[in-house]
N, C-alpha and C. Protein backbone atom coordinates (compact mmCIF):
# COMPACT_ATOMS: atom_id res chain seq x y z
N MET A 1 -117.51 26.64 28.73
CA MET A 1 -116.82 26.83 29.98
C MET A 1 -117.89 27.98 31.07
N HIS A 2 -117.63 27.82 31.69
CA HIS A 2 -118.71 28.42 33.26
C HIS A 2 -118.54 30.01 33.19
N PRO A 3 -119.43 29.95 33.16
CA PRO A 3 -120.12 31.81 33.38
C PRO A 3 -118.82 32.60 34.34
N GLY A 4 -118.97 32.27 35.17
CA GLY A 4 -117.28 32.30 36.14
C GLY A 4 -116.06 32.39 35.36
N MET A 5 -115.64 32.11 34.75
CA MET A 5 -114.43 32.29 33.99
C MET A 5 -114.90 33.28 33.44
N HIS A 6 -115.64 33.27 32.45
CA HIS A 6 -116.27 34.85 31.56
C HIS A 6 -116.01 36.40 32.46
N ALA A 7 -116.84 35.69 33.44
CA ALA A 7 -117.16 37.02 34.88
C ALA A 7 -116.16 37.68 34.84
N ILE A 8 -114.80 37.36 35.19
CA ILE A 8 -113.86 37.32 35.61
C ILE A 8 -112.69 38.15 34.39
N THR A 9 -113.23 37.34 33.35
CA THR A 9 -112.04 38.70 32.00
C THR A 9 -113.14 39.15 31.70
N THR A 10 -114.49 39.17 31.03
CA THR A 10 -114.77 39.90 30.84
C THR A 10 -116.54 39.94 31.40
N PRO A 11 -116.53 40.62 32.63
CA PRO A 11 -118.11 40.81 33.16
C PRO A 11 -118.69 41.34 32.42
N ASN A 12 -119.23 42.45 31.94
CA ASN A 12 -119.55 43.42 30.89
C ASN A 12 -120.18 42.89 29.85
N LYS A 13 -119.65 41.74 29.51
CA LYS A 13 -119.89 41.14 27.90
C LYS A 13 -120.99 40.55 27.68
N VAL A 14 -122.41 40.72 26.71
CA VAL A 14 -123.71 39.92 27.31
C VAL A 14 -123.07 38.16 26.69
N ALA A 15 -123.82 38.00 27.85
CA ALA A 15 -123.91 36.21 27.97
C ALA A 15 -125.00 35.86 27.23
N ALA A 16 -126.17 36.38 27.34
CA ALA A 16 -127.56 35.67 26.79
C ALA A 16 -128.63 36.88 26.41
N THR A 17 -129.26 36.90 25.06
CA THR A 17 -130.02 37.82 24.97
C THR A 17 -131.28 37.12 24.18
N LEU A 18 -132.31 37.75 25.13
CA LEU A 18 -133.55 37.11 24.34
C LEU A 18 -133.93 37.99 23.35
N VAL A 19 -134.04 37.28 22.42
CA VAL A 19 -135.06 37.98 20.98
C VAL A 19 -135.73 38.39 20.90
N GLU A 20 -137.07 37.93 21.63
CA GLU A 20 -138.08 38.73 21.49
C GLU A 20 -138.19 39.62 22.44
N SER A 21 -137.32 39.66 23.37
CA SER A 21 -137.40 40.92 24.55
C SER A 21 -136.14 42.04 24.60
N GLY A 22 -135.63 41.65 23.59
CA GLY A 22 -133.82 42.55 23.94
C GLY A 22 -133.69 41.98 25.47
N GLU A 23 -133.97 41.79 26.32
CA GLU A 23 -133.64 41.63 27.47
C GLU A 23 -132.58 40.95 27.28
N SER A 24 -131.15 41.34 28.22
CA SER A 24 -130.05 40.31 27.72
C SER A 24 -129.52 40.55 29.28
N VAL A 25 -128.31 39.61 29.52
CA VAL A 25 -127.66 39.13 31.06
C VAL A 25 -126.28 39.63 30.50
N THR A 26 -125.47 40.03 31.24
CA THR A 26 -124.04 39.93 31.24
C THR A 26 -123.50 38.66 32.39
N TYR A 27 -122.05 38.60 31.98
CA TYR A 27 -121.40 37.16 32.79
C TYR A 27 -121.10 37.63 33.98
N ARG A 28 -121.11 38.99 34.59
CA ARG A 28 -121.09 39.39 35.50
C ARG A 28 -122.85 39.17 36.05
N GLU A 29 -123.46 39.68 35.78
CA GLU A 29 -124.83 39.28 36.59
C GLU A 29 -125.55 37.82 36.17
N LEU A 30 -125.09 37.00 35.49
CA LEU A 30 -125.15 35.72 35.34
C LEU A 30 -124.82 34.80 36.85
N GLU A 31 -123.38 35.50 36.69
CA GLU A 31 -122.21 34.69 38.06
C GLU A 31 -123.01 35.04 39.77
N GLU A 32 -123.54 36.60 39.43
CA GLU A 32 -123.42 36.79 40.78
C GLU A 32 -125.30 36.69 41.13
N ASN A 33 -126.05 36.03 39.87
CA ASN A 33 -127.10 35.61 40.10
C ASN A 33 -127.08 34.24 40.49
N SER A 34 -126.55 33.48 39.77
CA SER A 34 -126.41 31.91 39.92
C SER A 34 -125.61 31.46 41.36
N VAL A 35 -124.73 32.34 41.84
CA VAL A 35 -124.04 32.32 43.28
C VAL A 35 -125.44 32.48 43.82
N ARG A 36 -125.87 33.59 44.32
CA ARG A 36 -127.00 33.38 44.74
C ARG A 36 -127.93 32.71 45.32
N LEU A 37 -128.73 31.99 44.05
CA LEU A 37 -129.53 31.62 43.96
C LEU A 37 -129.16 29.92 44.64
N GLY A 38 -127.90 29.13 44.02
CA GLY A 38 -126.87 28.46 44.69
C GLY A 38 -127.03 28.23 45.94
N ASN A 39 -126.71 29.48 46.59
CA ASN A 39 -126.59 29.58 47.82
C ASN A 39 -128.42 29.60 48.88
N LEU A 40 -128.79 29.83 48.25
CA LEU A 40 -130.27 29.30 48.75
C LEU A 40 -130.76 28.16 48.41
N PHE A 41 -130.72 27.25 47.35
CA PHE A 41 -130.20 26.02 47.20
C PHE A 41 -129.65 25.58 48.36
N HIS A 42 -128.43 25.59 48.87
CA HIS A 42 -128.20 24.77 49.61
C HIS A 42 -128.94 25.20 51.17
N ALA A 43 -129.15 26.44 51.23
CA ALA A 43 -130.09 26.92 52.31
C ALA A 43 -131.08 26.01 53.02
N ALA A 44 -131.58 25.45 51.73
CA ALA A 44 -132.78 24.78 51.45
C ALA A 44 -133.15 23.59 51.71
N GLY A 45 -131.49 22.84 51.89
CA GLY A 45 -131.09 21.58 52.03
C GLY A 45 -130.70 20.46 50.89
N LEU A 46 -131.37 21.57 49.50
CA LEU A 46 -130.51 20.26 48.88
C LEU A 46 -129.19 20.01 48.41
N CYS A 47 -129.01 19.03 47.95
CA CYS A 47 -127.30 18.10 48.14
C CYS A 47 -127.29 17.68 46.72
N ARG A 48 -125.69 17.22 46.43
CA ARG A 48 -125.61 17.25 45.47
C ARG A 48 -126.20 15.61 45.02
N GLY A 49 -126.48 15.78 43.08
CA GLY A 49 -127.31 14.76 43.14
C GLY A 49 -129.17 15.06 43.32
N ASP A 50 -129.39 16.49 44.00
CA ASP A 50 -130.75 16.17 43.84
C ASP A 50 -131.14 16.94 42.66
N VAL A 51 -132.50 16.74 42.49
CA VAL A 51 -133.17 17.23 41.44
C VAL A 51 -133.69 18.66 41.11
N VAL A 52 -134.10 19.13 40.30
CA VAL A 52 -134.64 20.76 40.67
C VAL A 52 -135.53 20.77 39.04
N ALA A 53 -136.77 21.41 39.61
CA ALA A 53 -137.90 21.31 38.33
C ALA A 53 -137.28 23.47 37.97
N LEU A 54 -137.68 23.23 36.84
CA LEU A 54 -137.79 24.61 36.45
C LEU A 54 -139.37 24.63 35.17
N LEU A 55 -139.87 25.30 35.78
CA LEU A 55 -141.20 25.45 34.89
C LEU A 55 -141.24 27.33 34.40
N THR A 56 -140.76 27.34 33.68
CA THR A 56 -140.60 28.30 32.86
C THR A 56 -141.10 28.87 31.20
N ASP A 57 -141.47 29.97 31.15
CA ASP A 57 -142.07 30.33 29.75
C ASP A 57 -140.60 30.62 29.01
N ASN A 58 -139.68 31.72 28.09
CA ASN A 58 -138.50 32.39 27.65
C ASN A 58 -138.85 33.15 28.70
N ASP A 59 -137.60 33.04 29.64
CA ASP A 59 -137.18 33.83 30.97
C ASP A 59 -135.67 33.66 31.16
N ILE A 60 -135.23 35.48 31.06
CA ILE A 60 -134.08 35.26 30.93
C ILE A 60 -133.92 34.42 32.12
N ARG A 61 -134.03 35.16 32.83
CA ARG A 61 -133.74 34.23 34.53
C ARG A 61 -133.99 32.40 34.62
N ALA A 62 -134.24 31.92 33.43
CA ALA A 62 -133.54 30.35 33.51
C ALA A 62 -132.40 30.60 33.20
N PHE A 63 -131.50 30.96 32.77
CA PHE A 63 -130.52 30.68 32.35
C PHE A 63 -129.42 30.77 34.23
N ASP A 64 -129.94 31.84 35.18
CA ASP A 64 -129.58 31.64 35.89
C ASP A 64 -129.93 30.45 37.18
N VAL A 65 -131.16 29.36 36.76
CA VAL A 65 -131.36 28.68 37.44
C VAL A 65 -130.26 27.64 37.16
N TYR A 66 -130.41 27.42 35.94
CA TYR A 66 -129.37 26.25 35.05
C TYR A 66 -127.94 25.89 36.22
N TRP A 67 -127.79 27.97 35.59
CA TRP A 67 -125.67 27.62 36.27
C TRP A 67 -125.79 27.86 37.56
N ALA A 68 -127.15 27.69 38.38
CA ALA A 68 -126.53 27.42 40.03
C ALA A 68 -126.76 26.41 39.89
N ALA A 69 -128.26 25.46 39.42
CA ALA A 69 -127.72 23.50 39.92
C ALA A 69 -126.76 23.34 39.11
N MET A 70 -125.92 23.79 38.36
CA MET A 70 -124.98 22.89 37.70
C MET A 70 -124.20 23.14 38.86
N ARG A 71 -124.06 24.56 39.31
CA ARG A 71 -122.96 25.04 40.94
C ARG A 71 -122.67 24.15 41.59
N CYS A 72 -123.77 23.22 41.83
CA CYS A 72 -124.71 23.28 43.05
C CYS A 72 -124.41 21.51 43.28
N GLY A 73 -124.14 20.85 41.90
CA GLY A 73 -124.05 19.65 41.52
C GLY A 73 -125.47 18.99 41.50
N LEU A 74 -126.12 20.12 41.09
CA LEU A 74 -128.03 19.92 41.52
C LEU A 74 -128.36 19.36 39.99
N TYR A 75 -129.70 18.33 39.58
CA TYR A 75 -129.55 17.79 38.20
C TYR A 75 -131.15 19.37 38.08
N LEU A 76 -131.27 19.28 37.15
CA LEU A 76 -131.93 20.74 36.31
C LEU A 76 -133.04 19.68 35.55
N THR A 77 -133.85 19.60 35.83
CA THR A 77 -135.18 19.37 35.24
C THR A 77 -136.66 20.19 34.31
N ALA A 78 -136.10 20.56 33.22
CA ALA A 78 -136.57 21.47 32.25
C ALA A 78 -138.74 21.13 31.78
N VAL A 79 -139.58 21.86 32.57
CA VAL A 79 -140.81 21.52 32.71
C VAL A 79 -141.74 22.76 31.85
N ASN A 80 -142.30 22.13 30.45
CA ASN A 80 -142.87 22.90 29.54
C ASN A 80 -144.24 23.93 29.87
N TYR A 81 -144.14 25.18 30.07
CA TYR A 81 -144.97 26.24 30.56
C TYR A 81 -146.53 25.73 30.36
N ASN A 82 -146.78 25.00 28.92
CA ASN A 82 -147.55 24.69 28.83
C ASN A 82 -148.64 23.45 28.69
N LEU A 83 -147.67 22.22 29.83
CA LEU A 83 -148.28 21.51 29.93
C LEU A 83 -149.54 21.84 31.10
N SER A 84 -150.71 20.79 31.91
CA SER A 84 -151.88 20.81 32.69
C SER A 84 -150.98 20.95 33.56
N ALA A 85 -151.55 21.45 34.53
CA ALA A 85 -151.10 20.85 36.52
C ALA A 85 -150.59 19.44 36.92
N GLY A 86 -151.51 18.82 35.92
CA GLY A 86 -151.41 17.03 36.26
C GLY A 86 -149.86 17.02 35.34
N GLU A 87 -150.29 16.81 34.42
CA GLU A 87 -148.80 16.71 33.65
C GLU A 87 -147.69 17.38 34.32
N ALA A 88 -147.26 18.12 34.76
CA ALA A 88 -145.86 19.22 35.01
C ALA A 88 -146.26 18.77 36.41
N ALA A 89 -147.69 18.38 36.99
CA ALA A 89 -146.97 17.69 39.30
C ALA A 89 -146.63 16.03 38.70
N TYR A 90 -146.34 15.49 37.10
CA TYR A 90 -146.58 14.13 37.74
C TYR A 90 -144.83 14.21 37.07
N ILE A 91 -144.28 14.86 36.39
CA ILE A 91 -143.11 15.32 35.88
C ILE A 91 -142.23 15.25 37.29
């Protein structure tokens, strides 16, 4: 189920927590962040079917990017941050 549905019924419920740091994000925060990022994707000219690459370590903000891409109809390609610059560029 899309986090927006949970944001309506249980906005302050924790949507995700990183065990390593204890950092968490609520459904309301996830919804607001992904809407804001989705708007940026559209403003940058990305259209349904385009691809976004995400290079990250374990970061709670990766959920924002994932859901922003999903709501915009974009494909998300996760890129391992341990790759060399050349390997990441190839992807």
